[in-house]
Amino acid sequence: MIEPVSISEKAAKEIKYLMENKNIPEGYGLRIGVKGGSGCGGIGYMLGFDKPKEGDLTYLAQGISVHVEKRQTMYLVGLQVDFYDEADERGFTFINPEQP
């Protein structure tokens, strides 16, 4: 099975923490998608918690159920979700060597 997006250990730890402590409903997983894509800015990535939908590619990454719309898969191949946690900033980051 294709796993277009990987999740770093640091990101997985934060995602699991959020799922356990932010009242994410049972049966929900991590939805990863693309947004934008017009103009010079290229595409952006988004994360959220959602139920699987018809037309999704669903797989496990670091023990987390991940949902991706099949039609967006080509934009996500090679993407890694990481988590940055330093004094100056904190949040999820997206690393994609396939995108300029």
PDB file of N, CA and C in Angstrom:
ATOM      1  N   MET A   1       0.840  -1.191   0.000  1.00  0.00           N
ATOM      2  CA  MET A   1       0.000   0.000   0.000  1.00  0.00           C
ATOM      3  C   MET A   1       0.881   1.250   0.000  1.00  0.00           C
ATOM      4  N   ILE A   2       0.458   2.223  -0.752  1.00  0.00           N
ATOM      5  CA  ILE A   2       1.169   3.511  -0.819  1.00  0.00           C
ATOM      6  C   ILE A   2       0.985   4.264   0.497  1.00  0.00           C
ATOM      7  N   GLU A   3       2.055   4.802   1.009  1.00  0.00           N
ATOM      8  CA  GLU A   3       2.004   5.697   2.166  1.00  0.00           C
ATOM      9  C   GLU A   3       2.669   7.000   1.732  1.00  0.00           C
ATOM     10  N   PRO A   4       1.894   7.918   1.149  1.00  0.00           N
ATOM     11  CA  PRO A   4       2.497   9.118   0.577  1.00  0.00           C
ATOM     12  C   PRO A   4       3.151  10.033   1.610  1.00  0.00           C
ATOM     13  N   VAL A   5       2.619  10.051   2.821  1.00  0.00           N
ATOM     14  CA  VAL A   5       3.091  10.973   3.849  1.00  0.00           C
ATOM     15  C   VAL A   5       3.654  10.183   5.026  1.00  0.00           C
ATOM     16  N   SER A   6       4.839  10.584   5.488  1.00  0.00           N
ATOM     17  CA  SER A   6       5.402   9.983   6.688  1.00  0.00           C
ATOM     18  C   SER A   6       5.295  10.982   7.838  1.00  0.00           C
ATOM     19  N   ILE A   7       5.351  10.457   9.035  1.00  0.00           N
ATOM     20  CA  ILE A   7       5.231  11.284  10.237  1.00  0.00           C
ATOM     21  C   ILE A   7       6.449  11.007  11.109  1.00  0.00           C
ATOM     22  N   SER A   8       7.155  12.066  11.490  1.00  0.00           N
ATOM     23  CA  SER A   8       8.328  11.892  12.353  1.00  0.00           C
ATOM     24  C   SER A   8       7.882  11.470  13.751  1.00  0.00           C
ATOM     25  N   GLU A   9       8.817  10.947  14.518  1.00  0.00           N
ATOM     26  CA  GLU A   9       8.496  10.535  15.889  1.00  0.00           C
ATOM     27  C   GLU A   9       8.003  11.714  16.727  1.00  0.00           C
ATOM     28  N   LYS A  10       8.659  12.888  16.573  1.00  0.00           N
ATOM     29  CA  LYS A  10       8.245  14.074  17.339  1.00  0.00           C
ATOM     30  C   LYS A  10       6.829  14.494  16.970  1.00  0.00           C
ATOM     31  N   ALA A  11       6.512  14.461  15.670  1.00  0.00           N
ATOM     32  CA  ALA A  11       5.168  14.844  15.229  1.00  0.00           C
ATOM     33  C   ALA A  11       4.143  13.824  15.720  1.00  0.00           C
ATOM     34  N   ALA A  12       4.483  12.538  15.653  1.00  0.00           N
ATOM     35  CA  ALA A  12       3.559  11.495  16.106  1.00  0.00           C
ATOM     36  C   ALA A  12       3.244  11.660  17.591  1.00  0.00           C
ATOM     37  N   LYS A  13       4.247  11.970  18.369  1.00  0.00           N
ATOM     38  CA  LYS A  13       4.043  12.163  19.808  1.00  0.00           C
ATOM     39  C   LYS A  13       3.070  13.320  20.060  1.00  0.00           C
ATOM     40  N   GLU A  14       3.230  14.421  19.332  1.00  0.00           N
ATOM     41  CA  GLU A  14       2.351  15.580  19.503  1.00  0.00           C
ATOM     42  C   GLU A  14       0.939  15.278  19.007  1.00  0.00           C
ATOM     43  N   ILE A  15       0.815  14.584  17.890  1.00  0.00           N
ATOM     44  CA  ILE A  15      -0.507  14.233  17.350  1.00  0.00           C
ATOM     45  C   ILE A  15      -1.251  13.336  18.333  1.00  0.00           C
ATOM     46  N   LYS A  16      -0.567  12.336  18.866  1.00  0.00           N
ATOM     47  CA  LYS A  16      -1.197  11.435  19.836  1.00  0.00           C
ATOM     48  C   LYS A  16      -1.614  12.196  21.085  1.00  0.00           C
ATOM     49  N   TYR A  17      -0.770  13.133  21.524  1.00  0.00           N
ATOM     50  CA  TYR A  17      -1.110  13.965  22.689  1.00  0.00           C
ATOM     51  C   TYR A  17      -2.395  14.753  22.403  1.00  0.00           C
ATOM     52  N   LEU A  18      -2.467  15.378  21.237  1.00  0.00           N
ATOM     53  CA  LEU A  18      -3.658  16.159  20.876  1.00  0.00           C
ATOM     54  C   LEU A  18      -4.900  15.281  20.814  1.00  0.00           C
ATOM     55  N   MET A  19      -4.773  14.097  20.224  1.00  0.00           N
ATOM     56  CA  MET A  19      -5.923  13.203  20.103  1.00  0.00           C
ATOM     57  C   MET A  19      -6.433  12.756  21.467  1.00  0.00           C
ATOM     58  N   GLU A  20      -5.530  12.561  22.401  1.00  0.00           N
ATOM     59  CA  GLU A  20      -5.914  12.099  23.731  1.00  0.00           C
ATOM     60  C   GLU A  20      -6.433  13.230  24.616  1.00  0.00           C
ATOM     61  N   ASN A  21      -5.965  14.465  24.388  1.00  0.00           N
ATOM     62  CA  ASN A  21      -6.273  15.548  25.320  1.00  0.00           C
ATOM     63  C   ASN A  21      -7.185  16.646  24.782  1.00  0.00           C
ATOM     64  N   LYS A  22      -7.581  16.567  23.522  1.00  0.00           N
ATOM     65  CA  LYS A  22      -8.423  17.619  22.938  1.00  0.00           C
ATOM     66  C   LYS A  22      -9.791  17.103  22.501  1.00  0.00           C
ATOM     67  N   ASN A  23     -10.240  16.020  23.121  1.00  0.00           N
ATOM     68  CA  ASN A  23     -11.571  15.471  22.868  1.00  0.00           C
ATOM     69  C   ASN A  23     -11.826  15.156  21.397  1.00  0.00           C
ATOM     70  N   ILE A  24     -10.833  14.598  20.733  1.00  0.00           N
ATOM     71  CA  ILE A  24     -11.015  14.160  19.345  1.00  0.00           C
ATOM     72  C   ILE A  24     -11.881  12.890  19.398  1.00  0.00           C
ATOM     73  N   PRO A  25     -13.010  12.871  18.679  1.00  0.00           N
ATOM     74  CA  PRO A  25     -13.929  11.726  18.756  1.00  0.00           C
ATOM     75  C   PRO A  25     -13.293  10.404  18.333  1.00  0.00           C
ATOM     76  N   GLU A  26     -13.801   9.336  18.905  1.00  0.00           N
ATOM     77  CA  GLU A  26     -13.373   7.982  18.551  1.00  0.00           C
ATOM     78  C   GLU A  26     -13.629   7.749  17.064  1.00  0.00           C
ATOM     79  N   GLY A  27     -12.716   7.088  16.408  1.00  0.00           N
ATOM     80  CA  GLY A  27     -12.881   6.806  14.988  1.00  0.00           C
ATOM     81  C   GLY A  27     -12.290   7.869  14.073  1.00  0.00           C
ATOM     82  N   TYR A  28     -11.837   8.970  14.650  1.00  0.00           N
ATOM     83  CA  TYR A  28     -11.208  10.022  13.854  1.00  0.00           C
ATOM     84  C   TYR A  28      -9.723   9.724  13.714  1.00  0.00           C
ATOM     85  N   GLY A  29      -9.135  10.217  12.637  1.00  0.00           N
ATOM     86  CA  GLY A  29      -7.710  10.090  12.414  1.00  0.00           C
ATOM     87  C   GLY A  29      -7.169  11.420  11.927  1.00  0.00           C
ATOM     88  N   LEU A  30      -5.944  11.418  11.512  1.00  0.00           N
ATOM     89  CA  LEU A  30      -5.296  12.627  11.026  1.00  0.00           C
ATOM     90  C   LEU A  30      -5.555  12.769   9.533  1.00  0.00           C
ATOM     91  N   ARG A  31      -6.139  13.888   9.136  1.00  0.00           N
ATOM     92  CA  ARG A  31      -6.337  14.185   7.716  1.00  0.00           C
ATOM     93  C   ARG A  31      -5.229  15.124   7.272  1.00  0.00           C
ATOM     94  N   ILE A  32      -4.563  14.721   6.190  1.00  0.00           N
ATOM     95  CA  ILE A  32      -3.504  15.530   5.601  1.00  0.00           C
ATOM     96  C   ILE A  32      -3.940  15.863   4.185  1.00  0.00           C
ATOM     97  N   GLY A  33      -3.853  17.146   3.836  1.00  0.00           N
ATOM     98  CA  GLY A  33      -4.277  17.549   2.508  1.00  0.00           C
ATOM     99  C   GLY A  33      -3.483  18.733   1.998  1.00  0.00           C
ATOM    100  N   VAL A  34      -3.876  19.177   0.812  1.00  0.00           N
ATOM    101  CA  VAL A  34      -3.245  20.339   0.192  1.00  0.00           C
ATOM    102  C   VAL A  34      -4.264  21.462   0.089  1.00  0.00           C
ATOM    103  N   LYS A  35      -3.745  22.674   0.078  1.00  0.00           N
ATOM    104  CA  LYS A  35      -4.587  23.855  -0.113  1.00  0.00           C
ATOM    105  C   LYS A  35      -3.853  24.811  -1.037  1.00  0.00           C
ATOM    106  N   GLY A  36      -4.592  25.681  -1.651  1.00  0.00           N
ATOM    107  CA  GLY A  36      -3.958  26.656  -2.545  1.00  0.00           C
ATOM    108  C   GLY A  36      -3.567  26.017  -3.849  1.00  0.00           C
ATOM    109  N   GLY A  37      -2.417  26.415  -4.320  1.00  0.00           N
ATOM    110  CA  GLY A  37      -1.919  25.873  -5.558  1.00  0.00           C
ATOM    111  C   GLY A  37      -1.998  26.846  -6.707  1.00  0.00           C
ATOM    112  N   SER A  38      -2.549  28.032  -6.450  1.00  0.00           N
ATOM    113  CA  SER A  38      -2.608  29.009  -7.528  1.00  0.00           C
ATOM    114  C   SER A  38      -1.579  30.103  -7.277  1.00  0.00           C
ATOM    115  N   GLY A  39      -1.094  30.699  -8.331  1.00  0.00           N
ATOM    116  CA  GLY A  39      -0.124  31.783  -8.181  1.00  0.00           C
ATOM    117  C   GLY A  39       1.267  31.261  -7.936  1.00  0.00           C
ATOM    118  N   CYS A  40       2.119  32.170  -7.484  1.00  0.00           N
ATOM    119  CA  CYS A  40       3.540  31.852  -7.309  1.00  0.00           C
ATOM    120  C   CYS A  40       3.829  31.117  -6.008  1.00  0.00           C
ATOM    121  N   GLY A  41       2.886  31.121  -5.083  1.00  0.00           N
ATOM    122  CA  GLY A  41       3.141  30.552  -3.770  1.00  0.00           C
ATOM    123  C   GLY A  41       3.202  29.049  -3.739  1.00  0.00           C
ATOM    124  N   GLY A  42       2.758  28.385  -4.803  1.00  0.00           N
ATOM    125  CA  GLY A  42       2.749  26.931  -4.797  1.00  0.00           C
ATOM    126  C   GLY A  42       1.657  26.398  -3.894  1.00  0.00           C
ATOM    127  N   ILE A  43       1.775  25.129  -3.539  1.00  0.00           N
ATOM    128  CA  ILE A  43       0.752  24.529  -2.697  1.00  0.00           C
ATOM    129  C   ILE A  43       1.151  24.623  -1.233  1.00  0.00           C
ATOM    130  N   GLY A  44       0.147  24.574  -0.389  1.00  0.00           N
ATOM    131  CA  GLY A  44       0.364  24.526   1.045  1.00  0.00           C
ATOM    132  C   GLY A  44      -0.245  23.236   1.568  1.00  0.00           C
ATOM    133  N   TYR A  45       0.090  22.879   2.774  1.00  0.00           N
ATOM    134  CA  TYR A  45      -0.395  21.647   3.369  1.00  0.00           C
ATOM    135  C   TYR A  45      -1.271  21.965   4.569  1.00  0.00           C
ATOM    136  N   MET A  46      -2.208  21.072   4.851  1.00  0.00           N
ATOM    137  CA  MET A  46      -3.060  21.257   6.013  1.00  0.00           C
ATOM    138  C   MET A  46      -3.199  19.948   6.784  1.00  0.00           C
ATOM    139  N   LEU A  47      -3.392  20.107   8.082  1.00  0.00           N
ATOM    140  CA  LEU A  47      -3.620  18.988   8.993  1.00  0.00           C
ATOM    141  C   LEU A  47      -4.923  19.216   9.721  1.00  0.00           C
ATOM    142  N   GLY A  48      -5.616  18.149  10.038  1.00  0.00           N
ATOM    143  CA  GLY A  48      -6.820  18.235  10.846  1.00  0.00           C
ATOM    144  C   GLY A  48      -7.206  16.837  11.300  1.00  0.00           C
ATOM    145  N   PHE A  49      -8.231  16.766  12.107  1.00  0.00           N
ATOM    146  CA  PHE A  49      -8.738  15.474  12.570  1.00  0.00           C
ATOM    147  C   PHE A  49     -10.093  15.260  11.924  1.00  0.00           C
ATOM    148  N   ASP A  50     -10.299  14.069  11.373  1.00  0.00           N
ATOM    149  CA  ASP A  50     -11.500  13.806  10.601  1.00  0.00           C
ATOM    150  C   ASP A  50     -11.752  12.306  10.537  1.00  0.00           C
ATOM    151  N   LYS A  51     -12.995  11.955  10.160  1.00  0.00           N
ATOM    152  CA  LYS A  51     -13.345  10.563   9.908  1.00  0.00           C
ATOM    153  C   LYS A  51     -12.941  10.221   8.477  1.00  0.00           C
ATOM    154  N   PRO A  52     -12.698   8.939   8.206  1.00  0.00           N
ATOM    155  CA  PRO A  52     -12.420   8.551   6.826  1.00  0.00           C
ATOM    156  C   PRO A  52     -13.652   8.802   5.960  1.00  0.00           C
ATOM    157  N   LYS A  53     -13.406   9.191   4.709  1.00  0.00           N
ATOM    158  CA  LYS A  53     -14.487   9.465   3.768  1.00  0.00           C
ATOM    159  C   LYS A  53     -14.311   8.600   2.526  1.00  0.00           C
ATOM    160  N   GLU A  54     -15.385   8.445   1.774  1.00  0.00           N
ATOM    161  CA  GLU A  54     -15.301   7.713   0.519  1.00  0.00           C
ATOM    162  C   GLU A  54     -14.297   8.419  -0.389  1.00  0.00           C
ATOM    163  N   GLY A  55     -13.436   7.666  -1.017  1.00  0.00           N
ATOM    164  CA  GLY A  55     -12.423   8.253  -1.883  1.00  0.00           C
ATOM    165  C   GLY A  55     -11.117   8.559  -1.168  1.00  0.00           C
ATOM    166  N   ASP A  56     -11.020   8.190   0.102  1.00  0.00           N
ATOM    167  CA  ASP A  56      -9.785   8.405   0.862  1.00  0.00           C
ATOM    168  C   ASP A  56      -8.836   7.225   0.717  1.00  0.00           C
ATOM    169  N   LEU A  57      -7.575   7.528   0.829  1.00  0.00           N
ATOM    170  CA  LEU A  57      -6.541   6.526   1.053  1.00  0.00           C
ATOM    171  C   LEU A  57      -6.279   6.583   2.549  1.00  0.00           C
ATOM    172  N   THR A  58      -6.471   5.475   3.252  1.00  0.00           N
ATOM    173  CA  THR A  58      -6.283   5.445   4.700  1.00  0.00           C
ATOM    174  C   THR A  58      -5.211   4.412   5.034  1.00  0.00           C
ATOM    175  N   TYR A  59      -4.275   4.798   5.901  1.00  0.00           N
ATOM    176  CA  TYR A  59      -3.193   3.900   6.300  1.00  0.00           C
ATOM    177  C   TYR A  59      -2.705   4.307   7.690  1.00  0.00           C
ATOM    178  N   LEU A  60      -1.876   3.466   8.286  1.00  0.00           N
ATOM    179  CA  LEU A  60      -1.295   3.749   9.602  1.00  0.00           C
ATOM    180  C   LEU A  60       0.126   4.256   9.434  1.00  0.00           C
ATOM    181  N   ALA A  61       0.441   5.333  10.135  1.00  0.00           N
ATOM    182  CA  ALA A  61       1.798   5.873  10.183  1.00  0.00           C
ATOM    183  C   ALA A  61       2.104   6.171  11.643  1.00  0.00           C
ATOM    184  N   GLN A  62       3.133   5.545  12.178  1.00  0.00           N
ATOM    185  CA  GLN A  62       3.528   5.720  13.595  1.00  0.00           C
ATOM    186  C   GLN A  62       2.348   5.406  14.526  1.00  0.00           C
ATOM    187  N   GLY A  63       1.483   4.462  14.126  1.00  0.00           N
ATOM    188  CA  GLY A  63       0.338   4.085  14.947  1.00  0.00           C
ATOM    189  C   GLY A  63      -0.845   5.040  14.845  1.00  0.00           C
ATOM    190  N   ILE A  64      -0.802   5.977  13.907  1.00  0.00           N
ATOM    191  CA  ILE A  64      -1.863   6.965  13.726  1.00  0.00           C
ATOM    192  C   ILE A  64      -2.577   6.674  12.413  1.00  0.00           C
ATOM    193  N   SER A  65      -3.892   6.636  12.457  1.00  0.00           N
ATOM    194  CA  SER A  65      -4.676   6.460  11.246  1.00  0.00           C
ATOM    195  C   SER A  65      -4.623   7.764  10.447  1.00  0.00           C
ATOM    196  N   VAL A  66      -4.148   7.692   9.206  1.00  0.00           N
ATOM    197  CA  VAL A  66      -3.980   8.864   8.351  1.00  0.00           C
ATOM    198  C   VAL A  66      -4.951   8.758   7.177  1.00  0.00           C
ATOM    199  N   HIS A  67      -5.649   9.863   6.888  1.00  0.00           N
ATOM    200  CA  HIS A  67      -6.595   9.916   5.769  1.00  0.00           C
ATOM    201  C   HIS A  67      -6.118  10.969   4.770  1.00  0.00           C
ATOM    202  N   VAL A  68      -6.062  10.566   3.500  1.00  0.00           N
ATOM    203  CA  VAL A  68      -5.657  11.456   2.416  1.00  0.00           C
ATOM    204  C   VAL A  68      -6.647  11.251   1.274  1.00  0.00           C
ATOM    205  N   GLU A  69      -7.137  12.333   0.689  1.00  0.00           N
ATOM    206  CA  GLU A  69      -7.981  12.194  -0.498  1.00  0.00           C
ATOM    207  C   GLU A  69      -7.129  11.618  -1.613  1.00  0.00           C
ATOM    208  N   LYS A  70      -7.606  10.550  -2.241  1.00  0.00           N
ATOM    209  CA  LYS A  70      -6.812   9.893  -3.293  1.00  0.00           C
ATOM    210  C   LYS A  70      -6.409  10.873  -4.383  1.00  0.00           C
ATOM    211  N   ARG A  71      -7.277  11.818  -4.731  1.00  0.00           N
ATOM    212  CA  ARG A  71      -6.961  12.757  -5.814  1.00  0.00           C
ATOM    213  C   ARG A  71      -5.850  13.735  -5.436  1.00  0.00           C
ATOM    214  N   GLN A  72      -5.524  13.843  -4.140  1.00  0.00           N
ATOM    215  CA  GLN A  72      -4.441  14.730  -3.702  1.00  0.00           C
ATOM    216  C   GLN A  72      -3.117  13.994  -3.502  1.00  0.00           C
ATOM    217  N   THR A  73      -3.147  12.680  -3.638  1.00  0.00           N
ATOM    218  CA  THR A  73      -1.969  11.864  -3.336  1.00  0.00           C
ATOM    219  C   THR A  73      -0.729  12.315  -4.097  1.00  0.00           C
ATOM    220  N   MET A  74      -0.878  12.661  -5.376  1.00  0.00           N
ATOM    221  CA  MET A  74       0.297  13.023  -6.174  1.00  0.00           C
ATOM    222  C   MET A  74       0.997  14.268  -5.644  1.00  0.00           C
ATOM    223  N   TYR A  75       0.271  15.125  -4.928  1.00  0.00           N
ATOM    224  CA  TYR A  75       0.875  16.336  -4.354  1.00  0.00           C
ATOM    225  C   TYR A  75       1.536  16.062  -3.007  1.00  0.00           C
ATOM    226  N   LEU A  76       1.261  14.898  -2.443  1.00  0.00           N
ATOM    227  CA  LEU A  76       1.726  14.593  -1.093  1.00  0.00           C
ATOM    228  C   LEU A  76       2.859  13.564  -1.040  1.00  0.00           C
ATOM    229  N   VAL A  77       3.108  12.874  -2.139  1.00  0.00           N
ATOM    230  CA  VAL A  77       4.139  11.830  -2.142  1.00  0.00           C
ATOM    231  C   VAL A  77       5.484  12.420  -1.711  1.00  0.00           C
ATOM    232  N   GLY A  78       6.087  11.786  -0.720  1.00  0.00           N
ATOM    233  CA  GLY A  78       7.390  12.219  -0.219  1.00  0.00           C
ATOM    234  C   GLY A  78       7.318  13.195   0.947  1.00  0.00           C
ATOM    235  N   LEU A  79       6.115  13.672   1.265  1.00  0.00           N
ATOM    236  CA  LEU A  79       5.956  14.651   2.351  1.00  0.00           C
ATOM    237  C   LEU A  79       6.228  14.003   3.707  1.00  0.00           C
ATOM    238  N   GLN A  80       6.927  14.734   4.559  1.00  0.00           N
ATOM    239  CA  GLN A  80       7.088  14.308   5.945  1.00  0.00           C
ATOM    240  C   GLN A  80       6.527  15.391   6.848  1.00  0.00           C
ATOM    241  N   VAL A  81       5.687  14.970   7.796  1.00  0.00           N
ATOM    242  CA  VAL A  81       5.172  15.877   8.818  1.00  0.00           C
ATOM    243  C   VAL A  81       6.123  15.785  10.000  1.00  0.00           C
ATOM    244  N   ASP A  82       6.628  16.934  10.429  1.00  0.00           N
ATOM    245  CA  ASP A  82       7.534  16.983  11.567  1.00  0.00           C
ATOM    246  C   ASP A  82       6.951  17.963  12.579  1.00  0.00           C
ATOM    247  N   PHE A  83       7.569  18.035  13.742  1.00  0.00           N
ATOM    248  CA  PHE A  83       7.112  18.965  14.777  1.00  0.00           C
ATOM    249  C   PHE A  83       8.313  19.732  15.298  1.00  0.00           C
ATOM    250  N   TYR A  84       8.202  21.044  15.256  1.00  0.00           N
ATOM    251  CA  TYR A  84       9.262  21.942  15.712  1.00  0.00           C
ATOM    252  C   TYR A  84       8.868  22.467  17.081  1.00  0.00           C
ATOM    253  N   ASP A  85       9.732  22.294  18.058  1.00  0.00           N
ATOM    254  CA  ASP A  85       9.425  22.724  19.424  1.00  0.00           C
ATOM    255  C   ASP A  85      10.666  23.353  20.044  1.00  0.00           C
ATOM    256  N   GLU A  86      10.836  24.634  19.779  1.00  0.00           N
ATOM    257  CA  GLU A  86      11.974  25.376  20.315  1.00  0.00           C
ATOM    258  C   GLU A  86      11.450  26.638  21.003  1.00  0.00           C
ATOM    259  N   ALA A  87      12.324  27.370  21.645  1.00  0.00           N
ATOM    260  CA  ALA A  87      11.931  28.573  22.391  1.00  0.00           C
ATOM    261  C   ALA A  87      11.313  29.632  21.479  1.00  0.00           C
ATOM    262  N   ASP A  88      11.794  29.720  20.229  1.00  0.00           N
ATOM    263  CA  ASP A  88      11.316  30.775  19.335  1.00  0.00           C
ATOM    264  C   ASP A  88      10.006  30.439  18.637  1.00  0.00           C
ATOM    265  N   GLU A  89       9.696  29.160  18.511  1.00  0.00           N
ATOM    266  CA  GLU A  89       8.505  28.765  17.769  1.00  0.00           C
ATOM    267  C   GLU A  89       8.142  27.327  18.079  1.00  0.00           C
ATOM    268  N   ARG A  90       6.856  27.002  17.879  1.00  0.00           N
ATOM    269  CA  ARG A  90       6.369  25.656  18.140  1.00  0.00           C
ATOM    270  C   ARG A  90       5.270  25.348  17.142  1.00  0.00           C
ATOM    271  N   GLY A  91       5.350  24.201  16.466  1.00  0.00           N
ATOM    272  CA  GLY A  91       4.289  23.833  15.544  1.00  0.00           C
ATOM    273  C   GLY A  91       4.718  22.759  14.563  1.00  0.00           C
ATOM    274  N   PHE A  92       3.753  22.328  13.778  1.00  0.00           N
ATOM    275  CA  PHE A  92       4.016  21.303  12.778  1.00  0.00           C
ATOM    276  C   PHE A  92       4.692  21.929  11.568  1.00  0.00           C
ATOM    277  N   THR A  93       5.595  21.182  10.972  1.00  0.00           N
ATOM    278  CA  THR A  93       6.274  21.611   9.763  1.00  0.00           C
ATOM    279  C   THR A  93       6.117  20.529   8.706  1.00  0.00           C
ATOM    280  N   PHE A  94       6.254  20.929   7.464  1.00  0.00           N
ATOM    281  CA  PHE A  94       6.113  20.007   6.347  1.00  0.00           C
ATOM    282  C   PHE A  94       7.394  20.038   5.527  1.00  0.00           C
ATOM    283  N   ILE A  95       7.967  18.873   5.313  1.00  0.00           N
ATOM    284  CA  ILE A  95       9.206  18.751   4.549  1.00  0.00           C
ATOM    285  C   ILE A  95       8.885  17.895   3.325  1.00  0.00           C
ATOM    286  N   ASN A  96       9.064  18.482   2.139  1.00  0.00           N
ATOM    287  CA  ASN A  96       8.798  17.726   0.919  1.00  0.00           C
ATOM    288  C   ASN A  96       9.900  17.971  -0.096  1.00  0.00           C
ATOM    289  N   PRO A  97      10.824  17.026  -0.209  1.00  0.00           N
ATOM    290  CA  PRO A  97      11.917  17.191  -1.164  1.00  0.00           C
ATOM    291  C   PRO A  97      11.434  17.183  -2.616  1.00  0.00           C
ATOM    292  N   GLU A  98      10.202  16.737  -2.856  1.00  0.00           N
ATOM    293  CA  GLU A  98       9.654  16.707  -4.213  1.00  0.00           C
ATOM    294  C   GLU A  98       9.192  18.076  -4.687  1.00  0.00           C
ATOM    295  N   GLN A  99       8.936  18.978  -3.751  1.00  0.00           N
ATOM    296  CA  GLN A  99       8.442  20.311  -4.086  1.00  0.00           C
ATOM    297  C   GLN A  99       9.572  21.336  -3.983  1.00  0.00           C
ATOM    298  N   PRO A 100       9.671  22.244  -4.941  1.00  0.00           N
ATOM    299  CA  PRO A 100      10.741  23.268  -4.898  1.00  0.00           C
ATOM    300  C   PRO A 100      10.553  24.250  -3.764  1.00  0.00           C
TER     301      PRO A 100
END
